[in-house]
Every structure is written in C-alpha cells, then in structure tokens.
C-alpha cells in the first residue's frame, strides 16, 4: 500500500481489481480543508484513460511491474510467440494483447513485455524502427517540390504515408507511436 501523497507519474496501481498506470499526477492544497490528489490513470489492459481524485493520505495498492526483453518468433493461429532473452522461455500471447504493436512486428525483433505477478499486461515495441519499403508507387522527378506524400507498405505489412521521393526497397525510419515517416536510412 502507498499513500496517495507519495504517488508519482509512471507508477502502477491496482484500483477495484484493475491495473492502472499513473500518467499525470497533481497534488492540491486549497486554502482551507484537506489536501487532495488528482490523477489521470491509464488502464493497462484496455488503454482507457480516467480521471480520479483522492483525499490526501488515503492508501492505494501499489503494483510492481517488471519489464522483460523478449524476441518475437512467429504468429500461428492467432497466437504470437515470444522468447524471453534471459531464460529462453517461450510465451504465446493472443492478438488482443499485441493489437497495438502487431503491425510493426518482424521475426527476431526485440520487444519489451511488462509483467504483473508473472502475468503479461503490456507489449511495447521501440518508439522508432527501421523498415524496408515493400511496395509503393515510383516517385516522379520534380514531385519533391510539392511536399506531397504517397502510401507505402513496409515489410511488416503496415501502410504509412511517405514523401514522394521514397522508392520501393528504401529503408526508412518510422515513429511507431504516431505511425509516421521520420527519415530515410
């Protein structure tokens, strides 16, 4: 248990049996009356963000999360298989648990899986990945002056918008948080 006055952004808590991560924390002391704490919490399972307020000195359950490096192996029958980089144990996760990152998964890619009491709760990929352009229309000379974009399919199967000068076979850097092109590599 932890006092609401001691909570910080980034910590994980259990509230009504659900695991949340604190994304924003604000402690307020009005002129008169008790201290209270306002937080934004993100449900680690659904991604839903909620606002919650507590009186100061209330107790909440602190959740201990552990990140472990894993390597993506393969997908079979709606299950995504990963290998722990330290113990070499394998774990299979359903599509629902990897839905946010599946469009960037490539075999042998290293990712982080967050565990709470040995249960996987979150799959994270790097913020930036380098991917090869698998298919896109060729750029026409002179098109770069307009600053336009065109759709391109990267090797993982995701479709993103790229500048007109990017061609099939180019390796590009992609921001996985916003699904945007960053640069050519």
Protein backbone atom coordinates (compact mmCIF):
# COMPACT_ATOMS: atom_id res chain seq x y z
CA UNK A 1 0.00 0.00 0.00
CA UNK A 2 1.11 3.54 -0.74
CA UNK A 3 -0.18 6.91 0.39
CA UNK A 4 -1.79 8.97 -2.36
CA UNK A 5 0.61 11.79 -1.36
CA UNK A 6 3.56 9.54 -2.30
CA UNK A 7 2.27 8.52 -5.74
CA UNK A 8 4.16 9.65 -8.84
CA UNK A 9 3.58 9.61 -12.59
CA UNK A 10 4.72 6.32 -14.13
CA UNK A 11 3.81 4.16 -11.13
CA UNK A 12 1.27 1.38 -11.43
CA UNK A 13 -1.62 0.88 -9.01
CA UNK A 14 -4.43 -1.60 -8.54
CA UNK A 15 -7.85 0.04 -8.20
CA UNK A 16 -11.01 -2.06 -7.91
CA UNK A 17 -9.09 -5.10 -9.17
CA UNK A 18 -7.90 -3.33 -12.34
CA UNK A 19 -4.29 -2.47 -13.12
CA UNK A 20 -3.67 1.20 -13.95
CA UNK A 21 -0.60 3.30 -14.69
CA UNK A 22 -0.49 6.89 -13.43
CA UNK A 23 0.08 9.20 -16.40
CA UNK A 24 -0.46 12.57 -14.69
CA UNK A 25 -0.26 13.48 -11.00
CA UNK A 26 -1.30 16.71 -9.27
CA UNK A 27 -1.37 17.31 -5.51
CA UNK A 28 -3.56 20.23 -4.43
CA UNK A 29 -3.77 22.04 -1.12
CA UNK A 30 -6.66 24.51 -1.07
CA UNK A 31 -6.52 27.46 1.36
CA UNK A 32 -8.77 25.66 3.81
CA UNK A 33 -9.51 22.00 4.01
CA UNK A 34 -7.58 18.82 3.43
CA UNK A 35 -5.08 18.07 0.67
CA UNK A 36 -6.37 16.12 -2.30
CA UNK A 37 -4.72 14.35 -5.21
CA UNK A 38 -5.93 14.40 -8.83
CA UNK A 39 -4.50 11.84 -11.24
CA UNK A 40 -5.01 10.57 -14.76
CA UNK A 41 -4.74 6.81 -14.84
CA UNK A 42 -4.49 4.53 -17.86
CA UNK A 43 -5.99 1.06 -17.81
CA UNK A 44 -3.12 -1.19 -18.91
CA UNK A 45 -5.47 -3.74 -20.42
CA UNK A 46 -7.84 -1.53 -22.44
CA UNK A 47 -5.80 1.68 -22.77
CA UNK A 48 -8.72 3.76 -21.46
CA UNK A 49 -7.69 6.91 -19.54
CA UNK A 50 -9.66 8.02 -16.48
CA UNK A 51 -9.52 10.95 -14.06
CA UNK A 52 -9.56 10.06 -10.37
CA UNK A 53 -9.42 12.15 -7.19
CA UNK A 54 -8.44 11.07 -3.66
CA UNK A 55 -8.12 12.81 -0.33
CA UNK A 56 -4.52 13.17 0.79
CA UNK A 57 -3.17 10.31 2.91
CA UNK A 58 -5.58 7.71 1.50
CA UNK A 59 -3.96 4.36 0.76
CA UNK A 60 -3.93 2.61 -2.61
CA UNK A 61 -2.34 -0.65 -3.67
CA UNK A 62 0.96 -0.18 -5.48
CA UNK A 63 1.53 -2.68 -8.30
CA UNK A 64 5.03 -3.90 -9.02
CA UNK A 65 5.63 -4.18 -12.77
CA UNK A 66 8.58 -5.93 -14.35
CA UNK A 67 9.80 -5.36 -17.91
CA UNK A 68 11.48 -8.25 -19.65
CA UNK A 69 13.20 -8.28 -23.05
CA UNK A 70 11.68 -10.77 -25.48
CA UNK A 71 12.27 -11.71 -29.08
CA UNK A 72 9.33 -12.08 -31.45
CA UNK A 73 9.38 -15.54 -33.02
CA UNK A 74 6.24 -16.14 -35.10
CA UNK A 75 2.42 -15.99 -35.32
CA UNK A 76 0.34 -19.14 -35.50
CA UNK A 77 -3.41 -19.50 -35.18
CA UNK A 78 -3.97 -16.05 -33.68
CA UNK A 79 -1.23 -16.51 -31.07
CA UNK A 80 2.00 -14.51 -31.16
CA UNK A 81 5.02 -16.38 -29.82
CA UNK A 82 7.87 -14.63 -27.97
CA UNK A 83 11.06 -15.86 -26.31
CA UNK A 84 12.48 -14.41 -23.08
CA UNK A 85 16.00 -13.16 -23.89
CA UNK A 86 17.39 -14.24 -20.48
CA UNK A 87 15.68 -17.54 -19.68
CA UNK A 88 14.79 -18.64 -23.24
CA UNK A 89 11.27 -19.47 -22.03
CA UNK A 90 8.58 -19.02 -24.66
CA UNK A 91 5.25 -17.29 -24.21
CA UNK A 92 2.26 -17.10 -26.55
CA UNK A 93 0.00 -14.04 -26.44
CA UNK A 94 -3.39 -13.63 -28.13
CA UNK A 95 -4.00 -10.99 -30.79
CA UNK A 96 -5.86 -8.77 -28.29
CA UNK A 97 -2.71 -8.32 -26.20
CA UNK A 98 -0.48 -7.35 -29.13
CA UNK A 99 -3.08 -5.45 -31.18
CA UNK A 100 -1.34 -2.08 -30.81
CA UNK A 101 2.06 -3.30 -32.00
CA UNK A 102 1.32 -6.20 -34.37
CA UNK A 103 1.63 -4.04 -37.50
CA UNK A 104 5.34 -3.49 -36.76
CA UNK A 105 6.35 -6.98 -35.61
CA UNK A 106 9.08 -8.70 -37.59
CA UNK A 107 10.67 -12.05 -36.80
CA UNK A 108 13.64 -11.70 -34.41
CA UNK A 109 12.57 -8.19 -33.33
CA UNK A 110 13.34 -7.38 -29.69
CA UNK A 111 10.41 -6.03 -27.69
CA UNK A 112 9.52 -5.41 -24.03
CA UNK A 113 6.75 -7.30 -22.26
CA UNK A 114 5.57 -5.88 -18.95
CA UNK A 115 4.52 -8.41 -16.31
CA UNK A 116 2.48 -8.04 -13.12
CA UNK A 117 2.72 -11.09 -10.86
CA UNK A 118 4.05 -13.16 -13.79
CA UNK A 119 1.07 -12.22 -15.98
CA UNK A 120 1.84 -10.29 -19.18
CA UNK A 121 -0.05 -6.98 -19.20
CA UNK A 122 1.58 -4.86 -21.89
CA UNK A 123 3.67 -5.35 -25.04
CA UNK A 124 5.92 -2.47 -26.11
CA UNK A 125 7.99 -2.05 -29.23
CA UNK A 126 10.71 0.56 -29.76
CA UNK A 127 9.49 4.11 -30.46
CA UNK A 128 11.45 4.13 -33.72
CA UNK A 129 12.01 1.19 -36.08
CA UNK A 130 13.83 0.85 -39.37
CA UNK A 131 11.79 -0.92 -42.04
CA UNK A 132 12.23 -1.64 -45.73
CA UNK A 133 9.62 -0.38 -48.21
CA UNK A 134 7.97 -3.50 -49.64
CA UNK A 135 5.68 -1.73 -52.11
CA UNK A 136 5.00 1.83 -53.23
CA UNK A 137 4.38 3.69 -56.45
CA UNK A 138 7.52 5.16 -58.01
CA UNK A 139 8.15 8.85 -57.47
CA UNK A 140 8.15 11.18 -60.47
CA UNK A 141 11.09 13.56 -60.91
CA UNK A 142 10.12 17.02 -59.70
CA UNK A 143 7.41 15.79 -57.29
CA UNK A 144 9.52 16.64 -54.23
CA UNK A 145 8.84 20.37 -54.59
CA UNK A 146 5.18 19.91 -53.71
CA UNK A 147 5.93 18.19 -50.40
CA UNK A 148 3.28 15.57 -51.15
CA UNK A 149 3.03 12.07 -49.75
CA UNK A 150 2.03 8.67 -51.03
CA UNK A 151 1.07 5.40 -49.31
CA UNK A 152 3.78 2.79 -48.86
CA UNK A 153 3.62 -0.74 -47.49
CA UNK A 154 6.56 -1.57 -45.23
CA UNK A 155 7.98 -5.07 -44.76
CA UNK A 156 5.82 -5.76 -41.70
CA UNK A 157 2.67 -5.11 -43.73
CA UNK A 158 1.74 -1.71 -42.25
CA UNK A 159 0.82 1.11 -44.63
CA UNK A 160 2.19 4.57 -43.87
CA UNK A 161 2.44 7.86 -45.74
CA UNK A 162 5.91 8.63 -47.11
CA UNK A 163 7.34 11.50 -49.18
CA UNK A 164 7.14 11.14 -52.95
CA UNK A 165 10.92 10.61 -53.32
CA UNK A 166 10.88 7.36 -51.30
CA UNK A 167 11.08 4.26 -53.51
CA UNK A 168 10.49 0.55 -53.17
CA UNK A 169 13.47 -1.11 -51.46
CA UNK A 170 14.45 2.00 -49.46
CA UNK A 171 14.93 1.58 -45.71
CA UNK A 172 13.10 4.20 -43.67
CA UNK A 173 12.80 5.16 -40.01
CA UNK A 174 9.22 5.08 -38.67
CA UNK A 175 7.79 6.53 -35.45
CA UNK A 176 5.64 3.65 -34.12
CA UNK A 177 3.75 5.90 -31.67
CA UNK A 178 2.30 8.08 -34.44
CA UNK A 179 2.70 5.76 -37.48
CA UNK A 180 4.68 8.44 -39.31
CA UNK A 181 7.70 8.52 -41.58
CA UNK A 182 10.78 10.13 -39.97
CA UNK A 183 13.62 9.78 -42.49
CA UNK A 184 15.37 7.59 -45.00
CA UNK A 185 18.17 5.46 -43.57
